[in-house]
Amino acid sequence: MIKTIRKLAFEVFLTAISTRNVSFKTLKRVYIGLFSFNRTRVYKIVNNNYMAQHITPEYIKSLKPNEIFVFGSNLAGMHGGGAAYAAFKSFGAEWGIGVGRTGQCYAIPTMQGGVETIRPYVDQFIEYAKQHPELLFLVTRIGCGIAGFTNEEIAPLFRAAFDMDNVALPEGWRDL
């Protein structure tokens, strides 16, 4: 059984290395588990699907053709700061579009009120992501910059996306 688990873990490890959606910390844990004789550790790492859960890189400088930059915006689509500015400047977000798909991006409004005003837009995004399994959505820490919310307030809004294969979330969000 351990050979099967190690083989599976090694395949996942190689796949993870070829992508940039897995943290170094996770790669290190799998690597250590692969080459230790601790069968329980390898099994736990593989079974908890650490590698299956995409993690959004801290800084995104470029996108592959199938990747979508998901950022926090305002309803007016004035992309003047933070990730919204990066979306506008680098990934084709259009000025004046504050909700939904724009360029190689997806805008989720976060500046209109409390956390509960963001929920419908996150739900709309999750439905869109379900309809487009061919795309990988890189969700930034929406609302946690200029809008002033915390990870603990925003992450639970994405609970329905925790198990989605085509949605990458910021590191730690699945743990909140």
N, C-alpha and C. Protein backbone atom coordinates (compact mmCIF):
# COMPACT_ATOMS: atom_id res chain seq x y z
N MET A 1 0.82 -1.19 0.00
CA MET A 1 0.00 0.00 0.00
C MET A 1 0.87 1.27 0.00
N ILE A 2 1.96 1.25 0.77
CA ILE A 2 2.80 2.44 0.85
C ILE A 2 3.40 2.78 -0.52
N LYS A 3 3.73 1.78 -1.32
CA LYS A 3 4.27 2.05 -2.65
C LYS A 3 3.24 2.75 -3.51
N THR A 4 1.99 2.33 -3.41
CA THR A 4 0.92 2.97 -4.18
C THR A 4 0.73 4.41 -3.73
N ILE A 5 0.73 4.64 -2.44
CA ILE A 5 0.56 5.99 -1.91
C ILE A 5 1.74 6.87 -2.33
N ARG A 6 2.95 6.34 -2.22
CA ARG A 6 4.13 7.12 -2.62
C ARG A 6 4.09 7.43 -4.11
N LYS A 7 3.67 6.46 -4.91
CA LYS A 7 3.61 6.68 -6.36
C LYS A 7 2.60 7.80 -6.66
N LEU A 8 1.42 7.72 -6.04
CA LEU A 8 0.41 8.75 -6.24
C LEU A 8 0.91 10.11 -5.77
N ALA A 9 1.50 10.13 -4.59
CA ALA A 9 2.01 11.40 -4.04
C ALA A 9 3.11 11.97 -4.93
N PHE A 10 3.97 11.10 -5.46
CA PHE A 10 5.04 11.57 -6.32
C PHE A 10 4.49 12.16 -7.61
N GLU A 11 3.46 11.53 -8.19
CA GLU A 11 2.83 12.07 -9.40
C GLU A 11 2.21 13.43 -9.13
N VAL A 12 1.54 13.56 -7.99
CA VAL A 12 0.94 14.84 -7.61
C VAL A 12 2.03 15.88 -7.39
N PHE A 13 3.12 15.46 -6.75
CA PHE A 13 4.25 16.35 -6.49
C PHE A 13 4.82 16.89 -7.80
N LEU A 14 5.03 16.01 -8.78
CA LEU A 14 5.58 16.44 -10.08
C LEU A 14 4.62 17.39 -10.79
N THR A 15 3.34 17.10 -10.72
CA THR A 15 2.34 17.98 -11.33
C THR A 15 2.37 19.35 -10.66
N ALA A 16 2.45 19.35 -9.34
CA ALA A 16 2.46 20.61 -8.60
C ALA A 16 3.68 21.46 -8.94
N ILE A 17 4.81 20.83 -9.13
CA ILE A 17 6.02 21.58 -9.48
C ILE A 17 5.85 22.30 -10.80
N SER A 18 5.12 21.68 -11.72
CA SER A 18 4.96 22.27 -13.05
C SER A 18 3.95 23.42 -13.06
N THR A 19 3.20 23.59 -11.98
CA THR A 19 2.27 24.72 -11.88
C THR A 19 2.78 25.69 -10.85
N ARG A 20 2.20 26.87 -10.81
CA ARG A 20 2.62 27.83 -9.79
C ARG A 20 1.52 28.07 -8.76
N ASN A 21 0.56 27.14 -8.70
CA ASN A 21 -0.60 27.34 -7.84
C ASN A 21 -0.52 26.58 -6.52
N VAL A 22 0.67 26.13 -6.15
CA VAL A 22 0.84 25.41 -4.90
C VAL A 22 1.97 26.08 -4.12
N SER A 23 1.75 26.26 -2.85
CA SER A 23 2.75 26.95 -2.03
C SER A 23 4.00 26.09 -1.83
N PHE A 24 5.11 26.76 -1.59
CA PHE A 24 6.36 26.07 -1.32
C PHE A 24 6.23 25.21 -0.07
N LYS A 25 5.53 25.71 0.92
CA LYS A 25 5.34 24.99 2.17
C LYS A 25 4.66 23.64 1.91
N THR A 26 3.64 23.62 1.08
CA THR A 26 2.94 22.38 0.76
C THR A 26 3.84 21.44 -0.01
N LEU A 27 4.58 21.97 -0.98
CA LEU A 27 5.52 21.13 -1.74
C LEU A 27 6.54 20.49 -0.82
N LYS A 28 7.03 21.27 0.11
CA LYS A 28 8.04 20.76 1.05
C LYS A 28 7.46 19.63 1.90
N ARG A 29 6.23 19.79 2.37
CA ARG A 29 5.59 18.75 3.19
C ARG A 29 5.42 17.46 2.41
N VAL A 30 5.00 17.57 1.16
CA VAL A 30 4.83 16.37 0.34
C VAL A 30 6.17 15.72 0.08
N TYR A 31 7.17 16.52 -0.24
CA TYR A 31 8.51 16.00 -0.51
C TYR A 31 9.05 15.23 0.69
N ILE A 32 8.93 15.82 1.87
CA ILE A 32 9.40 15.16 3.10
C ILE A 32 8.62 13.87 3.33
N GLY A 33 7.31 13.93 3.12
CA GLY A 33 6.49 12.73 3.30
C GLY A 33 6.83 11.63 2.33
N LEU A 34 7.19 12.00 1.11
CA LEU A 34 7.52 11.00 0.09
C LEU A 34 8.74 10.18 0.46
N PHE A 35 9.72 10.82 1.00
CA PHE A 35 10.99 10.15 1.21
C PHE A 35 11.26 9.76 2.66
N SER A 36 10.27 9.99 3.51
CA SER A 36 10.40 9.49 4.88
C SER A 36 9.75 8.10 4.90
N PHE A 37 9.96 7.40 5.97
CA PHE A 37 9.33 6.09 6.09
C PHE A 37 8.08 6.18 6.92
N ASN A 38 7.56 7.38 7.07
CA ASN A 38 6.36 7.57 7.86
C ASN A 38 5.15 7.43 6.95
N ARG A 39 4.61 6.21 6.89
CA ARG A 39 3.48 5.91 6.02
C ARG A 39 2.28 6.79 6.35
N THR A 40 2.05 7.07 7.61
CA THR A 40 0.92 7.89 8.03
C THR A 40 1.01 9.29 7.46
N ARG A 41 2.20 9.89 7.48
CA ARG A 41 2.38 11.25 6.98
C ARG A 41 2.06 11.33 5.49
N VAL A 42 2.60 10.41 4.70
CA VAL A 42 2.34 10.41 3.25
C VAL A 42 0.86 10.24 3.00
N TYR A 43 0.22 9.31 3.68
CA TYR A 43 -1.20 9.05 3.50
C TYR A 43 -2.02 10.28 3.84
N LYS A 44 -1.68 10.94 4.96
CA LYS A 44 -2.41 12.13 5.38
C LYS A 44 -2.28 13.25 4.36
N ILE A 45 -1.09 13.47 3.86
CA ILE A 45 -0.87 14.54 2.90
C ILE A 45 -1.68 14.29 1.63
N VAL A 46 -1.63 13.05 1.12
CA VAL A 46 -2.37 12.73 -0.11
C VAL A 46 -3.87 12.79 0.14
N ASN A 47 -4.33 12.21 1.24
CA ASN A 47 -5.76 12.14 1.51
C ASN A 47 -6.39 13.49 1.80
N ASN A 48 -5.63 14.42 2.35
CA ASN A 48 -6.20 15.73 2.64
C ASN A 48 -6.24 16.62 1.40
N ASN A 49 -5.81 16.09 0.27
CA ASN A 49 -5.89 16.79 -1.01
C ASN A 49 -5.18 18.13 -0.99
N TYR A 50 -4.04 18.23 -0.30
CA TYR A 50 -3.31 19.48 -0.30
C TYR A 50 -2.99 19.92 -1.72
N MET A 51 -2.60 18.97 -2.55
CA MET A 51 -2.16 19.31 -3.89
C MET A 51 -3.33 19.61 -4.83
N ALA A 52 -4.50 19.06 -4.53
CA ALA A 52 -5.64 19.28 -5.41
C ALA A 52 -6.21 20.68 -5.25
N GLN A 53 -5.90 21.33 -4.15
CA GLN A 53 -6.43 22.65 -3.89
C GLN A 53 -5.45 23.70 -4.42
N HIS A 54 -5.88 24.41 -5.42
CA HIS A 54 -5.02 25.45 -5.98
C HIS A 54 -4.92 26.63 -5.02
N ILE A 55 -3.73 27.19 -4.94
CA ILE A 55 -3.49 28.36 -4.09
C ILE A 55 -3.06 29.51 -5.00
N THR A 56 -3.73 30.64 -4.85
CA THR A 56 -3.38 31.82 -5.63
C THR A 56 -2.00 32.33 -5.23
N PRO A 57 -1.12 32.56 -6.20
CA PRO A 57 0.19 33.13 -5.86
C PRO A 57 0.02 34.50 -5.21
N GLU A 58 0.94 34.86 -4.34
CA GLU A 58 0.88 36.15 -3.66
C GLU A 58 0.95 37.31 -4.65
N TYR A 59 1.83 37.19 -5.65
CA TYR A 59 1.96 38.22 -6.68
C TYR A 59 1.76 37.57 -8.04
N ILE A 60 0.87 38.13 -8.83
CA ILE A 60 0.60 37.60 -10.16
C ILE A 60 1.09 38.61 -11.17
N LYS A 61 2.09 38.23 -11.94
CA LYS A 61 2.68 39.14 -12.92
C LYS A 61 2.25 38.81 -14.34
N SER A 62 1.83 37.56 -14.55
CA SER A 62 1.37 37.15 -15.88
C SER A 62 0.32 36.06 -15.73
N LEU A 63 -0.44 35.87 -16.79
CA LEU A 63 -1.49 34.85 -16.79
C LEU A 63 -1.32 33.94 -17.99
N LYS A 64 -1.63 32.68 -17.80
CA LYS A 64 -1.72 31.75 -18.92
C LYS A 64 -3.05 32.02 -19.62
N PRO A 65 -3.20 31.57 -20.88
CA PRO A 65 -4.43 31.86 -21.61
C PRO A 65 -5.72 31.41 -20.91
N ASN A 66 -5.66 30.35 -20.11
CA ASN A 66 -6.87 29.85 -19.46
C ASN A 66 -7.04 30.39 -18.03
N GLU A 67 -6.19 31.31 -17.59
CA GLU A 67 -6.27 31.83 -16.23
C GLU A 67 -7.01 33.17 -16.19
N ILE A 68 -7.80 33.34 -15.15
CA ILE A 68 -8.59 34.55 -14.95
C ILE A 68 -8.21 35.17 -13.61
N PHE A 69 -7.87 36.44 -13.62
CA PHE A 69 -7.49 37.21 -12.44
C PHE A 69 -8.76 37.72 -11.77
N VAL A 70 -9.06 37.25 -10.55
CA VAL A 70 -10.28 37.65 -9.84
C VAL A 70 -9.89 38.69 -8.79
N PHE A 71 -10.49 39.86 -8.88
CA PHE A 71 -10.08 40.97 -8.02
C PHE A 71 -11.28 41.69 -7.42
N GLY A 72 -11.02 42.40 -6.33
CA GLY A 72 -12.05 43.22 -5.71
C GLY A 72 -12.12 44.56 -6.41
N SER A 73 -13.34 45.00 -6.66
CA SER A 73 -13.53 46.25 -7.40
C SER A 73 -14.58 47.10 -6.71
N ASN A 74 -14.96 48.16 -7.36
CA ASN A 74 -16.10 48.95 -6.90
C ASN A 74 -17.17 48.88 -7.99
N LEU A 75 -18.40 49.16 -7.64
CA LEU A 75 -19.51 49.02 -8.60
C LEU A 75 -19.33 49.89 -9.84
N ALA A 76 -18.68 51.03 -9.69
CA ALA A 76 -18.48 51.94 -10.83
C ALA A 76 -17.37 51.48 -11.77
N GLY A 77 -16.58 50.51 -11.34
CA GLY A 77 -15.49 50.02 -12.19
C GLY A 77 -14.34 51.00 -12.32
N MET A 78 -14.11 51.79 -11.29
CA MET A 78 -12.99 52.72 -11.27
C MET A 78 -11.79 51.99 -10.67
N HIS A 79 -10.99 51.39 -11.51
CA HIS A 79 -9.90 50.51 -11.09
C HIS A 79 -8.63 51.29 -10.80
N GLY A 80 -8.69 52.12 -9.73
CA GLY A 80 -7.60 53.04 -9.46
C GLY A 80 -6.55 52.58 -8.46
N GLY A 81 -6.76 51.46 -7.77
CA GLY A 81 -5.78 51.04 -6.77
C GLY A 81 -5.81 49.55 -6.50
N GLY A 82 -4.78 49.08 -5.84
CA GLY A 82 -4.69 47.68 -5.43
C GLY A 82 -4.73 46.70 -6.60
N ALA A 83 -5.37 45.56 -6.35
CA ALA A 83 -5.48 44.52 -7.38
C ALA A 83 -6.31 44.99 -8.57
N ALA A 84 -7.26 45.91 -8.32
CA ALA A 84 -8.08 46.44 -9.41
C ALA A 84 -7.22 47.19 -10.42
N TYR A 85 -6.26 47.95 -9.90
CA TYR A 85 -5.35 48.67 -10.80
C TYR A 85 -4.49 47.69 -11.60
N ALA A 86 -4.02 46.63 -10.94
CA ALA A 86 -3.23 45.60 -11.64
C ALA A 86 -4.08 44.94 -12.71
N ALA A 87 -5.35 44.68 -12.40
CA ALA A 87 -6.25 44.07 -13.38
C ALA A 87 -6.42 44.98 -14.59
N PHE A 88 -6.59 46.27 -14.33
CA PHE A 88 -6.76 47.25 -15.40
C PHE A 88 -5.48 47.41 -16.22
N LYS A 89 -4.36 47.55 -15.54
CA LYS A 89 -3.09 47.84 -16.19
C LYS A 89 -2.52 46.63 -16.93
N SER A 90 -2.65 45.43 -16.34
CA SER A 90 -1.95 44.27 -16.88
C SER A 90 -2.83 43.19 -17.51
N PHE A 91 -4.10 43.10 -17.11
CA PHE A 91 -4.89 41.95 -17.53
C PHE A 91 -6.19 42.30 -18.26
N GLY A 92 -6.30 43.52 -18.72
CA GLY A 92 -7.40 43.89 -19.61
C GLY A 92 -8.72 44.25 -18.97
N ALA A 93 -8.76 44.46 -17.66
CA ALA A 93 -10.01 44.90 -17.03
C ALA A 93 -10.40 46.26 -17.62
N GLU A 94 -11.65 46.39 -18.00
CA GLU A 94 -12.11 47.63 -18.63
C GLU A 94 -12.59 48.63 -17.60
N TRP A 95 -12.19 49.87 -17.79
CA TRP A 95 -12.64 50.96 -16.94
C TRP A 95 -14.15 51.09 -17.06
N GLY A 96 -14.86 51.18 -15.95
CA GLY A 96 -16.31 51.33 -15.97
C GLY A 96 -17.07 50.02 -15.80
N ILE A 97 -16.37 48.89 -15.77
CA ILE A 97 -17.03 47.60 -15.55
C ILE A 97 -16.57 47.09 -14.18
N GLY A 98 -17.49 47.12 -13.22
CA GLY A 98 -17.16 46.76 -11.84
C GLY A 98 -17.66 45.42 -11.38
N VAL A 99 -18.40 44.71 -12.26
CA VAL A 99 -18.95 43.41 -11.89
C VAL A 99 -18.78 42.43 -13.04
N GLY A 100 -18.29 41.25 -12.73
CA GLY A 100 -18.24 40.17 -13.71
C GLY A 100 -16.97 40.15 -14.56
N ARG A 101 -17.08 39.42 -15.66
CA ARG A 101 -15.93 39.19 -16.54
C ARG A 101 -15.60 40.44 -17.33
N THR A 102 -14.34 40.79 -17.33
CA THR A 102 -13.84 41.93 -18.09
C THR A 102 -12.38 41.65 -18.42
N GLY A 103 -12.04 41.64 -19.69
CA GLY A 103 -10.69 41.28 -20.10
C GLY A 103 -10.39 39.85 -19.66
N GLN A 104 -9.19 39.63 -19.14
CA GLN A 104 -8.83 38.31 -18.61
C GLN A 104 -8.99 38.32 -17.09
N CYS A 105 -10.09 38.97 -16.67
CA CYS A 105 -10.34 39.19 -15.24
C CYS A 105 -11.80 38.92 -14.90
N TYR A 106 -12.04 38.87 -13.60
CA TYR A 106 -13.40 38.81 -13.09
C TYR A 106 -13.45 39.77 -11.91
N ALA A 107 -14.36 40.75 -11.97
CA ALA A 107 -14.48 41.78 -10.93
C ALA A 107 -15.57 41.43 -9.94
N ILE A 108 -15.23 41.49 -8.64
CA ILE A 108 -16.21 41.29 -7.57
C ILE A 108 -16.23 42.56 -6.73
N PRO A 109 -17.36 43.29 -6.72
CA PRO A 109 -17.44 44.54 -5.95
C PRO A 109 -17.30 44.31 -4.45
N THR A 110 -16.48 45.13 -3.81
CA THR A 110 -16.24 45.00 -2.37
C THR A 110 -16.34 46.33 -1.63
N MET A 111 -16.63 47.42 -2.34
CA MET A 111 -16.55 48.75 -1.74
C MET A 111 -17.93 49.37 -1.43
N GLN A 112 -19.00 48.60 -1.55
CA GLN A 112 -20.33 49.18 -1.45
C GLN A 112 -20.99 49.09 -0.08
N GLY A 113 -20.34 48.45 0.89
CA GLY A 113 -20.95 48.31 2.22
C GLY A 113 -20.28 47.20 2.99
N GLY A 114 -21.07 46.52 3.82
CA GLY A 114 -20.54 45.45 4.67
C GLY A 114 -20.32 44.15 3.91
N VAL A 115 -19.86 43.15 4.64
CA VAL A 115 -19.55 41.84 4.06
C VAL A 115 -20.78 41.23 3.38
N GLU A 116 -21.94 41.40 3.98
CA GLU A 116 -23.15 40.79 3.40
C GLU A 116 -23.51 41.38 2.03
N THR A 117 -23.03 42.59 1.73
CA THR A 117 -23.29 43.15 0.40
C THR A 117 -22.38 42.54 -0.66
N ILE A 118 -21.32 41.87 -0.20
CA ILE A 118 -20.38 41.22 -1.13
C ILE A 118 -20.86 39.82 -1.50
N ARG A 119 -21.55 39.15 -0.57
CA ARG A 119 -21.97 37.76 -0.75
C ARG A 119 -22.66 37.47 -2.08
N PRO A 120 -23.65 38.27 -2.52
CA PRO A 120 -24.32 37.94 -3.79
C PRO A 120 -23.36 37.95 -4.99
N TYR A 121 -22.37 38.83 -4.94
CA TYR A 121 -21.42 38.91 -6.05
C TYR A 121 -20.45 37.72 -6.03
N VAL A 122 -20.10 37.25 -4.83
CA VAL A 122 -19.27 36.06 -4.72
C VAL A 122 -20.06 34.84 -5.21
N ASP A 123 -21.32 34.75 -4.82
CA ASP A 123 -22.17 33.64 -5.28
C ASP A 123 -22.29 33.65 -6.80
N GLN A 124 -22.45 34.83 -7.37
CA GLN A 124 -22.53 34.98 -8.83
C GLN A 124 -21.21 34.51 -9.47
N PHE A 125 -20.09 34.88 -8.87
CA PHE A 125 -18.79 34.44 -9.38
C PHE A 125 -18.67 32.92 -9.34
N ILE A 126 -19.05 32.31 -8.23
CA ILE A 126 -18.94 30.85 -8.09
C ILE A 126 -19.78 30.15 -9.15
N GLU A 127 -20.97 30.64 -9.41
CA GLU A 127 -21.80 30.06 -10.48
C GLU A 127 -21.12 30.19 -11.84
N TYR A 128 -20.53 31.34 -12.08
CA TYR A 128 -19.80 31.55 -13.34
C TYR A 128 -18.63 30.57 -13.46
N ALA A 129 -17.90 30.39 -12.37
CA ALA A 129 -16.76 29.46 -12.38
C ALA A 129 -17.22 28.03 -12.64
N LYS A 130 -18.37 27.66 -12.08
CA LYS A 130 -18.93 26.31 -12.32
C LYS A 130 -19.26 26.11 -13.79
N GLN A 131 -19.71 27.17 -14.44
CA GLN A 131 -20.08 27.09 -15.86
C GLN A 131 -18.87 27.10 -16.78
N HIS A 132 -17.69 27.40 -16.23
CA HIS A 132 -16.48 27.49 -17.04
C HIS A 132 -15.34 26.65 -16.44
N PRO A 133 -15.49 25.32 -16.45
CA PRO A 133 -14.47 24.46 -15.86
C PRO A 133 -13.16 24.47 -16.63
N GLU A 134 -13.17 24.99 -17.85
CA GLU A 134 -11.95 25.04 -18.66
C GLU A 134 -11.02 26.18 -18.23
N LEU A 135 -11.52 27.06 -17.35
CA LEU A 135 -10.73 28.20 -16.89
C LEU A 135 -10.27 27.99 -15.45
N LEU A 136 -9.13 28.57 -15.11
CA LEU A 136 -8.64 28.55 -13.73
C LEU A 136 -8.73 29.97 -13.20
N PHE A 137 -9.54 30.16 -12.17
CA PHE A 137 -9.78 31.47 -11.59
C PHE A 137 -8.84 31.69 -10.41
N LEU A 138 -7.99 32.71 -10.52
CA LEU A 138 -7.03 33.04 -9.46
C LEU A 138 -7.62 34.16 -8.60
N VAL A 139 -8.22 33.78 -7.49
CA VAL A 139 -8.89 34.74 -6.61
C VAL A 139 -7.84 35.43 -5.73
N THR A 140 -7.77 36.74 -5.83
CA THR A 140 -6.87 37.52 -4.97
C THR A 140 -7.56 37.73 -3.62
N ARG A 141 -6.90 38.36 -2.70
CA ARG A 141 -7.49 38.62 -1.38
C ARG A 141 -8.49 39.77 -1.50
N ILE A 142 -9.56 39.51 -2.23
CA ILE A 142 -10.55 40.56 -2.49
C ILE A 142 -11.09 41.13 -1.19
N GLY A 143 -11.23 42.43 -1.16
CA GLY A 143 -11.79 43.10 0.00
C GLY A 143 -10.84 43.27 1.17
N CYS A 144 -9.66 42.68 1.10
CA CYS A 144 -8.73 42.71 2.23
C CYS A 144 -7.66 43.78 2.10
N GLY A 145 -7.81 44.65 1.13
CA GLY A 145 -6.86 45.74 0.94
C GLY A 145 -7.56 47.06 1.21
N ILE A 146 -7.82 47.78 0.15
CA ILE A 146 -8.44 49.11 0.24
C ILE A 146 -9.82 49.05 0.90
N ALA A 147 -10.59 47.98 0.65
CA ALA A 147 -11.95 47.88 1.22
C ALA A 147 -11.92 47.69 2.74
N GLY A 148 -10.81 47.18 3.27
CA GLY A 148 -10.63 47.13 4.71
C GLY A 148 -11.17 45.92 5.45
N PHE A 149 -11.58 44.87 4.75
CA PHE A 149 -12.06 43.67 5.42
C PHE A 149 -10.88 42.76 5.77
N THR A 150 -11.14 41.77 6.61
CA THR A 150 -10.10 40.81 6.98
C THR A 150 -10.30 39.50 6.22
N ASN A 151 -9.25 38.69 6.21
CA ASN A 151 -9.35 37.36 5.60
C ASN A 151 -10.47 36.56 6.27
N GLU A 152 -10.59 36.69 7.59
CA GLU A 152 -11.61 35.95 8.35
C GLU A 152 -13.02 36.36 7.97
N GLU A 153 -13.20 37.57 7.49
CA GLU A 153 -14.53 38.03 7.06
C GLU A 153 -14.85 37.59 5.63
N ILE A 154 -13.84 37.59 4.75
CA ILE A 154 -14.08 37.34 3.33
C ILE A 154 -14.00 35.85 2.98
N ALA A 155 -13.04 35.13 3.51
CA ALA A 155 -12.83 33.73 3.14
C ALA A 155 -14.10 32.87 3.23
N PRO A 156 -14.90 32.98 4.30
CA PRO A 156 -16.11 32.15 4.38
C PRO A 156 -17.10 32.37 3.24
N LEU A 157 -17.06 33.53 2.62
CA LEU A 157 -17.96 33.78 1.48
C LEU A 157 -17.67 32.82 0.33
N PHE A 158 -16.43 32.32 0.27
CA PHE A 158 -15.99 31.44 -0.81
C PHE A 158 -16.10 29.95 -0.45
N ARG A 159 -16.77 29.64 0.66
CA ARG A 159 -16.87 28.25 1.12
C ARG A 159 -17.33 27.30 0.01
N ALA A 160 -18.27 27.73 -0.81
CA ALA A 160 -18.78 26.87 -1.89
C ALA A 160 -17.73 26.59 -2.96
N ALA A 161 -16.65 27.38 -2.97
CA ALA A 161 -15.58 27.19 -3.96
C ALA A 161 -14.40 26.39 -3.40
N PHE A 162 -14.44 26.04 -2.12
CA PHE A 162 -13.31 25.35 -1.49
C PHE A 162 -12.95 24.05 -2.20
N ASP A 163 -13.93 23.35 -2.72
CA ASP A 163 -13.67 22.05 -3.37
C ASP A 163 -13.67 22.12 -4.89
N MET A 164 -13.72 23.31 -5.43
CA MET A 164 -13.75 23.44 -6.89
C MET A 164 -12.33 23.34 -7.45
N ASP A 165 -12.17 22.52 -8.47
CA ASP A 165 -10.86 22.30 -9.08
C ASP A 165 -10.36 23.50 -9.88
N ASN A 166 -11.25 24.38 -10.30
CA ASN A 166 -10.84 25.48 -11.16
C ASN A 166 -10.83 26.84 -10.46
N VAL A 167 -10.82 26.82 -9.13
CA VAL A 167 -10.76 28.07 -8.37
C VAL A 167 -9.58 28.00 -7.40
N ALA A 168 -8.62 28.90 -7.61
CA ALA A 168 -7.48 29.03 -6.70
C ALA A 168 -7.80 30.12 -5.70
N LEU A 169 -7.57 29.83 -4.43
CA LEU A 169 -7.85 30.80 -3.37
C LEU A 169 -6.55 31.18 -2.66
N PRO A 170 -6.54 32.34 -2.03
CA PRO A 170 -5.33 32.73 -1.29
C PRO A 170 -4.98 31.71 -0.21
N GLU A 171 -3.70 31.57 0.05
CA GLU A 171 -3.24 30.61 1.04
C GLU A 171 -3.89 30.89 2.38
N GLY A 172 -4.39 29.84 3.01
CA GLY A 172 -5.02 29.94 4.32
C GLY A 172 -6.52 30.13 4.31
N TRP A 173 -7.10 30.54 3.20
CA TRP A 173 -8.53 30.78 3.17
C TRP A 173 -9.36 29.53 3.42
N ARG A 174 -8.90 28.39 2.96
CA ARG A 174 -9.66 27.15 3.18
C ARG A 174 -9.62 26.72 4.64
N ASP A 175 -8.70 27.27 5.40
CA ASP A 175 -8.58 26.93 6.82
C ASP A 175 -9.39 27.83 7.73
N LEU A 176 -9.95 28.91 7.18
CA LEU A 176 -10.70 29.86 8.03
C LEU A 176 -12.17 29.50 8.13
